[in-house]
Amino acid sequence: MSKINLKNIIRKDGINNLLESIMDLNNSGGWIEDEKGNCLLGYIDYQKQYQSLPVKLDDDIIGIIYGKVNIDVATSLLQLLCNKEIEKKRLGSEVLHSYQELNLIFNFSEKLAQTIDPNAIAQITLEEANRVIQSHHGVVVLWDEVNRKLETTAVVGDLFFEQNKVNQELPLLLNLVMSGQSEIITDTNPLIEAGILKPEIKAVIYSALKVKHRIMGALILASEKQTEYTAADLKLLTTLALQSSAAIESALLYEKNIKEAKEKEEAMRRLYEVTGKFVPYEFIDSLGHKLITDIKLGDQVEKLVTVLFSDIRNYTTLSESMTPEENFQFICSFNEKMGPIIRKNKGFINQYLGDAIMAIFPSNAKDALSAAVEMQLSLKELNDSRSIQNLPQIYIGIGMHTGPLIMGITGDKDRLDATTISDTVNTAARIESLTKYYKASIILSDASLHQIEDTDQFHLRHLGLVQLKGKQKPIRIHECFSGNHNKELQSKINTLEVFNAGMINYINKSFEDAKKAFGEVTRINPEDATADFFHSKVEEIMLKGTSDNWVGIMEMNEK
């Protein structure tokens, strides 16, 4: 990079006048000189006492300012102008270097594109590397996986290593060539002593040829002089190596690709044959397969999952006002809106059950709860659109439960189906049915809640214990109201502490206090149907009484 010329900066339009004005050279005197003592502005007068400040660039003094007035201001200005000038030069140099490098890569890529012969590609790469990086010899070696040895595919200059020694000292060479690294070797003695390199070789620079994470071989240059290869040389060699690796890989895989194309064609034919044995794609990965053609009758796996059920409230009433076609279109549009939300949150649809959806979340219950909240929020957007069309509002209940589940392929040789077998599914379905009973939009079991570490991001209320029909043990359930609309959400947040106090009093059989608490919640938020449900339940208990062993378990006599 050329040195900054202070004289040129001072003589730029307006700069000398500005400096003269700042320093008041005509009345106060003073001058600016360069590092050699040449006066660039003003008049030198060493007989008088003047202040002086240096102008520096990278710790080197490139000039000195003498004066009595504002020389610190003038120095700062000149310093700033110098810094900007050097920055411009540096930027120009970087742009030029980048352009040259891009031009080199572009031309190199064009050359590679003209052939599909791996040996020709290797030779082009080697010749280009030898042209731009100082070296006497060069070689491209590729790893032959079948024969487990290194093969020389291209050479420039003389072969600088003993061919017969290469595969005899394979462990040493593999440690270098197949390490996947790019490196400069200035001490070649170990390789010379091993009989691999010829004695005249003083420096080596090499870069791995690799595609993705697979090492194909290496691009190696050698010099008979003690060449000081630079990081820029290594970067350029690595760039060429990476460019050529993809081309060599494509050439090597040319015949393999033709074979694979035929195999894919055969796979498609087989895929058509199993169309009648359709299995949902999401099951394929769960069963450890990549292709649908790999599945077979009896495949199964047990996993800890969260099962989510959603159901449209009062669908029978809604459907009565629609034709069969309108019903079908309604369900399709609803599922089209909800399905992507489930997949977005790492779940998959196990079944579309008319107006209901059964989804499985293999990773964490948090995914299921996030999906449930987003489904409720999305439903609000759908209802806003329906309001404009004077259509009735849609409401859904969502229930979820976490537990073990068998996913597998059942059926017969001509008809396969994905199925789930687990009490977890039944429990999740019955929890969804509780949303109608408790007047809540989302209910999850304690098992699901315990799998969620950061519950603070959800708005939750404990709903106590429930004894599901046909179940031996009661389960603890919770309402999530994060999917409620803004006004109702804020009201439930504001009354959460009172509601929780009501639940504690309810479970502890302090029914009078529970009634007051739930009454207070409904007074503040008349739309809180869940609080109203508990308020009515407490009144009923106070009227009828409870058994001595009552612990607040709600018994469900219906599924």
Protein backbone atom coordinates (compact mmCIF):
# COMPACT_ATOMS: atom_id res chain seq x y z
CA MET A 1 0.00 0.00 0.00
CA SER A 2 1.40 3.46 -0.96
CA LYS A 3 2.37 5.87 1.81
CA ILE A 4 0.13 8.80 2.74
CA ASN A 5 1.39 12.11 1.31
CA LEU A 6 0.62 14.86 3.84
CA LYS A 7 1.34 17.52 1.25
CA ASN A 8 -1.39 16.24 -1.07
CA ILE A 9 -3.92 16.19 1.75
CA ILE A 10 -3.17 19.80 2.77
CA ARG A 11 -3.37 21.02 -0.82
CA LYS A 12 -6.83 19.56 -1.40
CA ASP A 13 -9.52 22.15 -2.21
CA GLY A 14 -10.39 24.20 0.84
CA ILE A 15 -8.24 22.23 3.30
CA ASN A 16 -5.28 24.67 3.32
CA ASN A 17 -7.63 27.66 3.73
CA LEU A 18 -9.46 25.90 6.55
CA LEU A 19 -6.21 25.08 8.35
CA GLU A 20 -5.00 28.67 7.92
CA SER A 21 -8.24 29.97 9.39
CA ILE A 22 -8.13 27.57 12.34
CA MET A 23 -4.51 28.39 13.21
CA ASP A 24 -4.77 32.11 12.28
CA LEU A 25 -1.43 31.88 10.49
CA ASN A 26 -1.49 35.46 9.20
CA ASN A 27 -1.76 37.06 12.65
CA SER A 28 -0.43 34.45 15.07
CA GLY A 29 2.12 32.73 12.88
CA GLY A 30 2.95 29.05 12.70
CA TRP A 31 3.48 26.40 10.05
CA ILE A 32 3.03 22.73 9.13
CA GLU A 33 5.97 20.61 8.02
CA ASP A 34 6.31 16.98 6.88
CA GLU A 35 8.48 14.33 8.54
CA LYS A 36 11.53 15.59 6.57
CA GLY A 37 11.12 19.17 7.79
CA ASN A 38 9.69 20.54 4.53
CA CYS A 39 7.21 23.37 5.08
CA LEU A 40 3.79 22.49 3.70
CA LEU A 41 1.77 25.48 4.97
CA GLY A 42 2.69 28.80 6.64
CA TYR A 43 6.22 30.14 7.25
CA ILE A 44 8.94 28.54 9.34
CA ASP A 45 10.16 30.76 12.14
CA TYR A 46 12.29 28.90 14.67
CA GLN A 47 13.22 32.19 16.43
CA LYS A 48 9.84 32.44 18.13
CA GLN A 49 8.36 30.12 20.70
CA TYR A 50 5.57 27.97 19.24
CA GLN A 51 3.67 25.00 20.49
CA SER A 52 4.04 21.83 18.41
CA LEU A 53 2.01 18.66 17.95
CA PRO A 54 2.82 15.64 15.78
CA VAL A 55 0.54 14.15 13.12
CA LYS A 56 0.79 10.35 13.35
CA LEU A 57 -0.19 7.38 11.24
CA ASP A 58 0.15 3.90 12.76
CA ASP A 59 2.50 5.33 15.43
CA ASP A 60 4.73 6.90 12.75
CA ILE A 61 5.11 10.71 12.69
CA ILE A 62 4.27 12.00 9.20
CA GLY A 63 4.23 15.70 10.07
CA ILE A 64 4.40 18.37 12.81
CA ILE A 65 2.17 21.40 13.37
CA TYR A 66 3.69 24.56 14.97
CA GLY A 67 1.54 27.42 16.15
CA LYS A 68 0.01 29.43 18.97
CA VAL A 69 -3.72 29.21 18.20
CA ASN A 70 -5.88 26.07 17.94
CA ILE A 71 -3.06 23.75 16.93
CA ASP A 72 -4.83 20.90 18.75
CA VAL A 73 -7.91 21.48 16.58
CA ALA A 74 -5.80 21.65 13.43
CA THR A 75 -3.90 18.52 14.43
CA SER A 76 -7.13 16.60 15.08
CA LEU A 77 -8.52 17.69 11.70
CA LEU A 78 -5.37 16.72 9.84
CA GLN A 79 -5.16 13.45 11.76
CA LEU A 80 -8.77 12.66 10.78
CA LEU A 81 -8.11 13.44 7.11
CA CYS A 82 -5.02 11.21 7.12
CA ASN A 83 -6.89 8.33 8.72
CA LYS A 84 -9.67 8.64 6.15
CA GLU A 85 -7.14 8.67 3.32
CA ILE A 86 -5.37 5.54 4.55
CA GLU A 87 -8.75 3.84 5.03
CA LYS A 88 -9.65 4.63 1.43
CA LYS A 89 -6.37 3.15 0.25
CA ARG A 90 -6.85 0.04 2.35
CA LEU A 91 -10.40 -0.41 1.09
CA GLY A 92 -9.26 0.06 -2.49
CA SER A 93 -6.55 -2.53 -2.01
CA GLU A 94 -9.00 -5.02 -0.47
CA VAL A 95 -11.52 -4.48 -3.26
CA LEU A 96 -8.83 -4.98 -5.90
CA HIS A 97 -7.59 -8.15 -4.19
CA SER A 98 -11.14 -9.49 -3.86
CA TYR A 99 -11.82 -8.72 -7.52
CA GLN A 100 -8.66 -10.51 -8.62
CA GLU A 101 -9.52 -13.50 -6.46
CA LEU A 102 -13.11 -13.62 -7.75
CA ASN A 103 -11.90 -13.32 -11.32
CA LEU A 104 -9.47 -16.19 -10.74
CA ILE A 105 -12.19 -18.40 -9.24
CA PHE A 106 -14.63 -17.50 -12.02
CA ASN A 107 -12.15 -18.40 -14.78
CA PHE A 108 -11.19 -21.55 -12.92
CA SER A 109 -14.84 -22.59 -12.57
CA GLU A 110 -15.37 -22.08 -16.31
CA LYS A 111 -12.45 -24.38 -17.06
CA LEU A 112 -13.80 -27.05 -14.70
CA ALA A 113 -17.22 -26.88 -16.30
CA GLN A 114 -15.78 -27.93 -19.67
CA THR A 115 -15.02 -31.52 -18.64
CA ILE A 116 -16.49 -34.40 -16.64
CA ASP A 117 -13.27 -36.44 -16.60
CA PRO A 118 -11.96 -36.59 -13.00
CA ASN A 119 -8.32 -36.87 -14.13
CA ALA A 120 -8.67 -33.83 -16.41
CA ILE A 121 -10.28 -31.84 -13.60
CA ALA A 122 -7.43 -32.77 -11.26
CA GLN A 123 -4.85 -31.72 -13.90
CA ILE A 124 -6.57 -28.35 -14.51
CA THR A 125 -6.69 -27.72 -10.77
CA LEU A 126 -3.03 -28.57 -10.31
CA GLU A 127 -1.87 -26.40 -13.20
CA GLU A 128 -3.92 -23.44 -11.94
CA ALA A 129 -2.53 -23.83 -8.40
CA ASN A 130 1.04 -24.11 -9.74
CA ARG A 131 0.50 -20.93 -11.79
CA VAL A 132 -0.63 -18.71 -8.91
CA ILE A 133 1.40 -20.21 -6.04
CA GLN A 134 5.19 -20.47 -6.24
CA SER A 135 6.21 -24.14 -6.51
CA HIS A 136 8.35 -26.54 -8.55
CA HIS A 137 6.18 -29.62 -8.36
CA GLY A 138 2.59 -30.54 -7.72
CA VAL A 139 0.37 -33.56 -7.40
CA VAL A 140 -3.26 -34.53 -6.82
CA VAL A 141 -3.83 -37.75 -4.90
CA LEU A 142 -7.24 -39.40 -4.43
CA TRP A 143 -8.25 -42.07 -1.95
CA ASP A 144 -9.39 -45.32 -3.55
CA GLU A 145 -11.93 -46.63 -1.06
CA VAL A 146 -12.29 -50.01 -2.78
CA ASN A 147 -8.57 -50.83 -2.86
CA ARG A 148 -7.76 -48.85 0.29
CA LYS A 149 -4.85 -46.90 -1.17
CA LEU A 150 -3.84 -43.46 -2.46
CA GLU A 151 -3.80 -42.98 -6.24
CA THR A 152 -1.91 -40.23 -8.10
CA THR A 153 -4.28 -38.69 -10.65
CA ALA A 154 -2.39 -35.57 -11.80
CA VAL A 155 1.22 -34.35 -11.77
CA VAL A 156 3.01 -31.05 -12.55
CA GLY A 157 6.82 -31.10 -12.73
CA ASP A 158 8.61 -34.20 -11.48
CA LEU A 159 7.05 -36.61 -9.04
CA PHE A 160 8.57 -35.40 -5.79
CA PHE A 161 7.85 -38.47 -3.72
CA GLU A 162 8.66 -42.15 -3.95
CA GLN A 163 5.60 -43.78 -5.50
CA ASN A 164 6.35 -47.20 -4.06
CA LYS A 165 6.75 -45.72 -0.56
CA VAL A 166 3.42 -43.90 -0.51
CA ASN A 167 1.20 -46.82 0.35
CA GLN A 168 3.87 -48.52 2.43
CA GLU A 169 3.79 -45.53 4.80
CA LEU A 170 0.02 -45.21 4.54
CA PRO A 171 -0.71 -44.42 8.23
CA LEU A 172 1.66 -41.44 8.17
CA LEU A 173 0.30 -40.10 4.90
CA LEU A 174 -3.32 -40.65 5.84
CA ASN A 175 -2.69 -38.62 8.98
CA LEU A 176 -1.68 -35.75 6.71
CA VAL A 177 -3.64 -36.14 3.48
CA MET A 178 -6.90 -37.53 4.90
CA SER A 179 -7.02 -35.34 8.00
CA GLY A 180 -9.19 -32.85 6.16
CA GLN A 181 -6.80 -30.03 7.01
CA SER A 182 -4.90 -27.46 4.95
CA GLU A 183 -1.33 -26.91 6.05
CA ILE A 184 2.10 -25.49 5.27
CA ILE A 185 5.04 -27.80 6.04
CA THR A 186 8.39 -26.06 6.36
CA ASP A 187 10.14 -28.95 8.11
CA THR A 188 10.13 -31.74 5.54
CA ASN A 189 12.81 -33.86 7.28
CA PRO A 190 10.39 -36.38 8.86
CA LEU A 191 8.89 -37.15 5.43
CA ILE A 192 12.34 -37.29 3.81
CA GLU A 193 13.64 -39.60 6.56
CA ALA A 194 10.60 -41.86 6.06
CA GLY A 195 11.65 -42.18 2.41
CA ILE A 196 8.48 -40.54 1.11
CA LEU A 197 9.73 -37.11 -0.05
CA LYS A 198 12.82 -36.69 -2.18
CA PRO A 199 15.72 -34.94 -0.39
CA GLU A 200 15.56 -31.78 -2.54
CA ILE A 201 12.08 -30.83 -1.30
CA LYS A 202 12.32 -27.97 1.25
CA ALA A 203 8.68 -26.84 1.64
CA VAL A 204 5.23 -28.30 1.05
CA ILE A 205 1.79 -26.74 1.03
CA TYR A 206 -1.35 -28.84 0.73
CA SER A 207 -5.13 -28.69 1.06
CA ALA A 208 -7.65 -31.46 1.44
CA LEU A 209 -10.06 -32.30 -1.35
CA LYS A 210 -13.37 -32.80 0.39
CA VAL A 211 -17.07 -32.78 -0.31
CA LYS A 212 -19.23 -32.02 2.71
CA HIS A 213 -17.60 -34.12 5.43
CA ARG A 214 -15.98 -36.74 3.16
CA ILE A 215 -12.25 -36.49 2.42
CA MET A 216 -11.45 -37.45 -1.17
CA GLY A 217 -7.71 -36.77 -1.23
CA ALA A 218 -5.40 -33.77 -1.38
CA LEU A 219 -3.94 -31.06 -3.62
CA ILE A 220 -0.18 -30.81 -2.86
CA LEU A 221 2.49 -28.35 -4.03
CA ALA A 222 6.22 -28.69 -3.28
CA SER A 223 9.20 -26.35 -3.57
CA GLU A 224 12.92 -27.08 -3.82
CA LYS A 225 13.60 -23.75 -2.10
CA GLN A 226 12.84 -22.77 1.50
CA THR A 227 9.71 -20.99 0.29
CA GLU A 228 7.81 -18.94 2.86
CA TYR A 229 4.26 -19.87 1.95
CA THR A 230 1.73 -17.43 3.40
CA ALA A 231 -1.75 -17.69 4.85
CA ALA A 232 -3.01 -16.06 1.64
CA ASP A 233 -1.39 -18.89 -0.38
CA LEU A 234 -3.05 -21.45 1.85
CA LYS A 235 -6.43 -19.74 1.54
CA LEU A 236 -6.15 -19.63 -2.27
CA LEU A 237 -5.08 -23.28 -2.46
CA THR A 238 -7.98 -24.27 -0.20
CA THR A 239 -10.40 -22.34 -2.43
CA LEU A 240 -9.13 -24.14 -5.54
CA ALA A 241 -9.29 -27.47 -3.73
CA LEU A 242 -12.88 -26.92 -2.62
CA GLN A 243 -13.92 -25.78 -6.11
CA SER A 244 -12.39 -28.80 -7.78
CA SER A 245 -13.61 -31.28 -5.16
CA ALA A 246 -17.23 -30.84 -6.17
CA ALA A 247 -16.34 -31.20 -9.85
CA ILE A 248 -14.25 -34.33 -9.24
CA GLU A 249 -16.99 -35.76 -7.04
CA SER A 250 -19.58 -35.14 -9.77
CA ALA A 251 -17.38 -36.81 -12.36
CA LEU A 252 -16.65 -39.81 -10.15
CA LEU A 253 -20.33 -40.20 -9.38
CA TYR A 254 -21.45 -39.83 -12.99
CA GLU A 255 -21.91 -43.55 -13.63
CA LYS A 256 -23.18 -44.05 -10.10
CA ASN A 257 -25.79 -41.35 -10.67
CA ILE A 258 -27.02 -43.13 -13.79
CA LYS A 259 -27.34 -46.30 -11.79
CA GLU A 260 -29.12 -44.47 -8.97
CA ALA A 261 -31.47 -42.86 -11.48
CA LYS A 262 -32.51 -46.32 -12.64
CA GLU A 263 -32.91 -47.41 -9.03
CA LYS A 264 -35.06 -44.37 -8.29
CA GLU A 265 -37.19 -45.20 -11.29
CA GLU A 266 -37.59 -48.72 -9.93
CA ALA A 267 -38.35 -47.27 -6.48
CA MET A 268 -41.07 -45.09 -7.99
CA ARG A 269 -42.57 -48.16 -9.63
CA ARG A 270 -42.56 -49.92 -6.27
CA LEU A 271 -44.01 -46.81 -4.66
CA TYR A 272 -46.98 -46.97 -7.02
CA GLU A 273 -47.43 -50.60 -6.02
CA VAL A 274 -47.67 -49.69 -2.33
CA THR A 275 -50.08 -46.80 -2.89
CA GLY A 276 -52.84 -49.07 -1.67
CA LYS A 277 -50.79 -49.73 1.46
CA PHE A 278 -50.42 -46.07 2.35
CA VAL A 279 -48.74 -45.19 5.63
CA PRO A 280 -48.53 -41.55 6.85
CA TYR A 281 -45.08 -40.12 6.16
CA GLU A 282 -44.61 -39.01 9.76
CA PHE A 283 -44.68 -42.63 10.88
CA ILE A 284 -41.80 -43.56 8.59
CA ASP A 285 -39.21 -41.60 10.56
CA SER A 286 -40.65 -42.74 13.90
CA LEU A 287 -40.26 -46.35 12.83
CA GLY A 288 -36.63 -45.76 11.83
CA HIS A 289 -37.17 -45.83 8.05
CA LYS A 290 -36.32 -43.27 5.38
CA LEU A 291 -38.52 -44.52 2.55
CA ILE A 292 -42.12 -45.58 2.54
CA THR A 293 -41.07 -48.68 0.62
CA ASP A 294 -39.06 -49.86 3.63
CA ILE A 295 -42.04 -50.26 5.95
CA LYS A 296 -43.53 -53.68 6.61
CA LEU A 297 -46.42 -55.17 8.47
CA GLY A 298 -45.66 -55.45 12.17
CA ASP A 299 -43.16 -52.56 12.37
CA GLN A 300 -43.59 -50.91 15.75
CA VAL A 301 -41.88 -48.68 18.25
CA GLU A 302 -42.73 -47.52 21.76
CA LYS A 303 -42.14 -43.89 22.62
CA LEU A 304 -42.96 -41.36 25.30
CA VAL A 305 -45.12 -38.85 23.46
CA THR A 306 -47.74 -36.20 24.00
CA VAL A 307 -51.07 -36.90 22.32
CA LEU A 308 -53.25 -33.90 21.44
CA PHE A 309 -56.95 -34.09 20.58
CA SER A 310 -58.96 -31.16 19.25
CA ASP A 311 -62.68 -31.15 18.56
CA ILE A 312 -65.05 -28.58 17.12
CA ARG A 313 -67.72 -27.64 19.66
CA ASN A 314 -71.35 -28.06 18.59
CA TYR A 315 -70.28 -29.36 15.17
CA THR A 316 -73.56 -31.24 14.78
CA THR A 317 -75.48 -27.98 15.05
CA LEU A 318 -73.10 -26.25 12.62
CA SER A 319 -73.29 -29.07 10.09
CA GLU A 320 -77.11 -29.09 10.03
CA SER A 321 -77.08 -25.74 8.25
CA MET A 322 -74.66 -26.95 5.56
CA THR A 323 -74.94 -29.28 2.58
CA PRO A 324 -72.66 -32.36 2.53
CA GLU A 325 -70.35 -30.58 0.10
CA GLU A 326 -70.27 -27.46 2.29
CA ASN A 327 -69.56 -29.69 5.28
CA PHE A 328 -66.66 -31.26 3.45
CA GLN A 329 -65.26 -27.90 2.34
CA PHE A 330 -65.66 -26.53 5.87
CA ILE A 331 -63.70 -29.41 7.41
CA CYS A 332 -61.03 -29.20 4.69
CA SER A 333 -60.49 -25.45 5.18
CA PHE A 334 -60.39 -25.90 8.96
CA ASN A 335 -57.84 -28.71 8.77
CA GLU A 336 -55.76 -26.77 6.24
CA LYS A 337 -55.43 -24.01 8.82
CA MET A 338 -54.70 -26.22 11.84
CA GLY A 339 -52.51 -28.93 10.27
CA PRO A 340 -49.52 -26.67 9.44
CA ILE A 341 -49.57 -25.29 13.00
CA ILE A 342 -49.14 -28.79 14.39
CA ARG A 343 -46.29 -29.60 12.00
CA LYS A 344 -44.64 -26.24 12.67
CA ASN A 345 -44.47 -27.15 16.37
CA LYS A 346 -42.77 -30.53 15.72
CA GLY A 347 -45.93 -32.61 15.79
CA PHE A 348 -47.66 -34.70 13.15
CA ILE A 349 -51.26 -35.55 12.38
CA ASN A 350 -52.04 -39.12 13.28
CA GLN A 351 -55.66 -38.94 12.16
CA TYR A 352 -58.23 -36.49 10.87
CA LEU A 353 -61.41 -37.69 12.56
CA GLY A 354 -64.05 -35.65 10.78
CA ASP A 355 -64.37 -32.54 12.94
CA ALA A 356 -61.63 -33.77 15.30
CA ILE A 357 -57.84 -34.00 15.02
CA MET A 358 -55.49 -36.42 16.75
CA ALA A 359 -51.85 -35.31 16.73
CA ILE A 360 -48.68 -36.77 18.22
CA PHE A 361 -45.72 -34.76 19.52
CA PRO A 362 -42.67 -37.02 19.95
CA SER A 363 -40.25 -34.49 21.45
CA ASN A 364 -41.78 -32.57 24.33
CA ALA A 365 -45.17 -31.61 25.73
CA LYS A 366 -44.17 -27.98 25.30
CA ASP A 367 -44.46 -28.44 21.53
CA ALA A 368 -48.03 -29.71 21.94
CA LEU A 369 -49.02 -26.88 24.26
CA SER A 370 -47.44 -24.28 21.94
CA ALA A 371 -49.41 -25.78 19.05
CA ALA A 372 -52.65 -25.74 21.08
CA VAL A 373 -52.19 -22.06 21.94
CA GLU A 374 -51.40 -21.17 18.33
CA MET A 375 -54.44 -23.14 17.13
CA GLN A 376 -56.71 -21.14 19.42
CA LEU A 377 -55.16 -17.86 18.28
CA SER A 378 -55.49 -18.91 14.64
CA LEU A 379 -59.11 -19.81 15.27
CA LYS A 380 -59.74 -16.22 16.35
CA GLU A 381 -58.47 -15.01 12.95
CA LEU A 382 -60.76 -17.54 11.23
CA ASN A 383 -63.71 -16.34 13.32
CA ASP A 384 -62.97 -12.72 12.46
CA SER A 385 -63.23 -13.67 8.80
CA ARG A 386 -66.45 -15.63 9.42
CA SER A 387 -67.98 -12.64 11.25
CA ILE A 388 -67.56 -10.53 8.12
CA GLN A 389 -69.46 -13.23 6.19
CA ASN A 390 -72.16 -13.44 8.91
CA LEU A 391 -71.24 -17.04 9.60
CA PRO A 392 -71.49 -18.60 13.08
CA GLN A 393 -68.40 -18.63 15.27
CA ILE A 394 -66.33 -21.81 15.66
CA TYR A 395 -65.02 -22.99 19.01
CA ILE A 396 -62.69 -25.89 19.66
CA GLY A 397 -61.64 -27.77 22.74
CA ILE A 398 -58.10 -29.13 22.97
CA GLY A 399 -56.92 -31.79 25.41
CA MET A 400 -53.49 -33.40 25.78
CA HIS A 401 -51.79 -36.08 27.81
CA THR A 402 -48.21 -37.39 27.93
CA GLY A 403 -47.33 -41.04 28.26
CA PRO A 404 -46.02 -44.18 26.54
CA LEU A 405 -47.46 -45.11 23.17
CA ILE A 406 -46.97 -47.88 20.61
CA MET A 407 -46.76 -46.64 17.01
CA GLY A 408 -46.85 -49.38 14.44
CA ILE A 409 -48.01 -50.75 11.13
CA THR A 410 -51.02 -53.03 11.19
CA GLY A 411 -53.40 -54.43 8.60
CA ASP A 412 -52.76 -57.20 6.07
CA LYS A 413 -50.50 -57.78 3.06
CA ASP A 414 -52.74 -55.71 0.77
CA ARG A 415 -53.75 -52.91 3.14
CA LEU A 416 -51.43 -51.34 5.65
CA ASP A 417 -52.39 -48.69 8.14
CA ALA A 418 -50.57 -46.63 10.75
CA THR A 419 -52.00 -47.19 14.17
CA THR A 420 -51.39 -46.15 17.74
CA ILE A 421 -52.10 -48.39 20.68
CA SER A 422 -51.95 -46.87 24.13
CA ASP A 423 -54.00 -45.81 27.11
CA THR A 424 -52.35 -42.42 26.54
CA VAL A 425 -54.56 -41.90 23.47
CA ASN A 426 -57.73 -42.73 25.37
CA THR A 427 -56.76 -40.44 28.23
CA ALA A 428 -55.96 -37.54 25.88
CA ALA A 429 -59.31 -37.98 24.14
CA ARG A 430 -61.19 -37.94 27.44
CA ILE A 431 -59.27 -34.88 28.64
CA GLU A 432 -60.39 -33.12 25.47
CA SER A 433 -63.99 -33.99 26.35
CA LEU A 434 -63.44 -32.32 29.75
CA THR A 435 -63.05 -28.94 28.00
CA LYS A 436 -66.83 -28.90 27.52
CA TYR A 437 -67.45 -29.87 31.16
CA TYR A 438 -65.00 -27.34 32.64
CA LYS A 439 -65.77 -24.69 30.00
CA ALA A 440 -62.07 -24.35 29.13
CA SER A 441 -60.45 -24.14 25.69
CA ILE A 442 -57.24 -26.06 26.50
CA ILE A 443 -56.75 -28.69 29.23
CA LEU A 444 -53.57 -30.68 29.82
CA SER A 445 -52.73 -33.42 32.28
CA ASP A 446 -50.19 -33.19 35.08
CA ALA A 447 -48.01 -35.64 33.12
CA SER A 448 -47.80 -33.17 30.24
CA LEU A 449 -47.16 -30.21 32.55
CA HIS A 450 -44.27 -31.99 34.28
CA GLN A 451 -42.49 -32.44 30.93
CA ILE A 452 -42.49 -28.67 30.32
CA GLU A 453 -39.51 -27.02 32.00
CA ASP A 454 -40.27 -23.35 31.28
CA THR A 455 -43.94 -23.21 32.21
CA ASP A 456 -43.68 -19.46 32.91
CA GLN A 457 -44.20 -18.69 29.22
CA PHE A 458 -47.72 -20.15 29.45
CA HIS A 459 -50.72 -18.91 31.45
CA LEU A 460 -51.97 -21.86 33.51
CA ARG A 461 -54.63 -22.58 36.14
CA HIS A 462 -54.89 -25.73 38.25
CA LEU A 463 -58.30 -27.42 37.91
CA GLY A 464 -57.85 -30.12 40.53
CA LEU A 465 -58.26 -33.89 40.27
CA VAL A 466 -60.57 -35.78 37.95
CA GLN A 467 -61.59 -39.45 37.87
CA LEU A 468 -62.10 -40.38 34.22
CA LYS A 469 -64.67 -43.05 33.45
CA GLY A 470 -63.13 -46.53 33.51
CA LYS A 471 -59.88 -45.29 35.10
CA GLN A 472 -58.59 -46.56 38.43
CA LYS A 473 -56.55 -43.49 39.40
CA PRO A 474 -57.53 -39.84 39.29
CA ILE A 475 -55.34 -37.44 37.32
CA ARG A 476 -54.52 -33.81 37.96
CA ILE A 477 -55.48 -31.39 35.18
CA HIS A 478 -54.68 -27.79 34.28
CA GLU A 479 -56.20 -25.14 32.08
CA CYS A 480 -54.00 -23.14 29.69
CA PHE A 481 -55.63 -19.84 28.76
CA SER A 482 -52.75 -18.37 26.71
CA GLY A 483 -54.89 -18.80 23.58
CA ASN A 484 -57.78 -16.65 24.87
CA HIS A 485 -58.45 -13.32 23.22
CA ASN A 486 -56.74 -10.28 24.71
CA LYS A 487 -59.52 -9.02 26.97
CA GLU A 488 -60.34 -12.43 28.43
CA LEU A 489 -56.64 -13.29 28.75
CA GLN A 490 -55.92 -10.16 30.77
CA SER A 491 -58.99 -10.70 32.96
CA LYS A 492 -57.86 -14.24 33.79
CA ILE A 493 -54.34 -13.01 34.55
CA ASN A 494 -55.74 -10.34 36.86
CA THR A 495 -57.92 -12.86 38.75
CA LEU A 496 -55.43 -15.76 38.74
CA GLU A 497 -54.43 -15.35 42.37
CA VAL A 498 -58.08 -15.28 43.54
CA PHE A 499 -58.94 -18.29 41.35
CA ASN A 500 -56.00 -20.29 42.75
CA ALA A 501 -57.08 -19.43 46.29
CA GLY A 502 -60.57 -20.68 45.43
CA MET A 503 -59.14 -23.99 44.18
CA ILE A 504 -57.10 -24.46 47.36
CA ASN A 505 -60.15 -23.79 49.53
CA TYR A 506 -62.24 -26.09 47.36
CA ILE A 507 -59.80 -29.00 47.70
CA ASN A 508 -59.46 -28.35 51.45
CA LYS A 509 -63.27 -28.40 51.84
CA SER A 510 -63.38 -24.72 52.85
CA PHE A 511 -66.40 -24.32 50.66
CA GLU A 512 -67.59 -20.97 51.96
CA ASP A 513 -64.22 -19.38 51.20
CA ALA A 514 -64.08 -21.19 47.85
CA LYS A 515 -67.50 -19.86 46.93
CA LYS A 516 -66.44 -16.30 47.77
CA ALA A 517 -63.25 -16.62 45.72
CA PHE A 518 -64.95 -18.03 42.61
CA GLY A 519 -67.75 -15.51 43.02
CA GLU A 520 -65.20 -12.72 43.11
CA VAL A 521 -63.59 -14.01 39.90
CA THR A 522 -66.94 -14.13 38.07
CA ARG A 523 -67.85 -10.69 39.37
CA ILE A 524 -64.66 -9.21 37.91
CA ASN A 525 -64.79 -11.36 34.77
CA PRO A 526 -68.35 -12.54 34.00
CA GLU A 527 -67.04 -14.34 30.89
CA ASP A 528 -64.90 -16.72 32.98
CA ALA A 529 -67.06 -19.81 32.45
CA THR A 530 -64.57 -22.07 34.26
CA ALA A 531 -64.76 -20.00 37.45
CA ASP A 532 -68.56 -19.95 37.11
CA PHE A 533 -68.51 -23.76 36.78
CA PHE A 534 -66.59 -24.14 40.06
CA HIS A 535 -68.81 -21.55 41.75
CA SER A 536 -71.89 -23.61 40.82
CA LYS A 537 -70.14 -26.82 41.85
CA VAL A 538 -69.35 -25.41 45.29
CA GLU A 539 -72.96 -24.30 45.76
CA GLU A 540 -74.14 -27.79 44.81
CA ILE A 541 -71.74 -29.40 47.30
CA MET A 542 -72.79 -26.98 50.06
CA LEU A 543 -76.39 -27.96 49.37
CA LYS A 544 -75.91 -31.74 49.13
CA GLY A 545 -72.86 -32.19 51.35
CA THR A 546 -69.83 -34.50 50.84
CA SER A 547 -68.52 -37.78 52.20
CA ASP A 548 -65.88 -37.85 54.94
CA ASN A 549 -63.18 -39.06 52.55
CA TRP A 550 -63.93 -36.40 49.92
CA VAL A 551 -60.68 -34.99 48.43
CA GLY A 552 -62.06 -32.85 45.61
CA ILE A 553 -61.99 -35.46 42.85
CA MET A 554 -64.41 -34.81 39.99
CA GLU A 555 -65.89 -38.13 38.88
CA MET A 556 -66.74 -38.41 35.18
CA ASN A 557 -69.48 -40.94 34.50
CA GLU A 558 -69.37 -40.35 30.75
CA LYS A 559 -66.58 -40.67 28.21
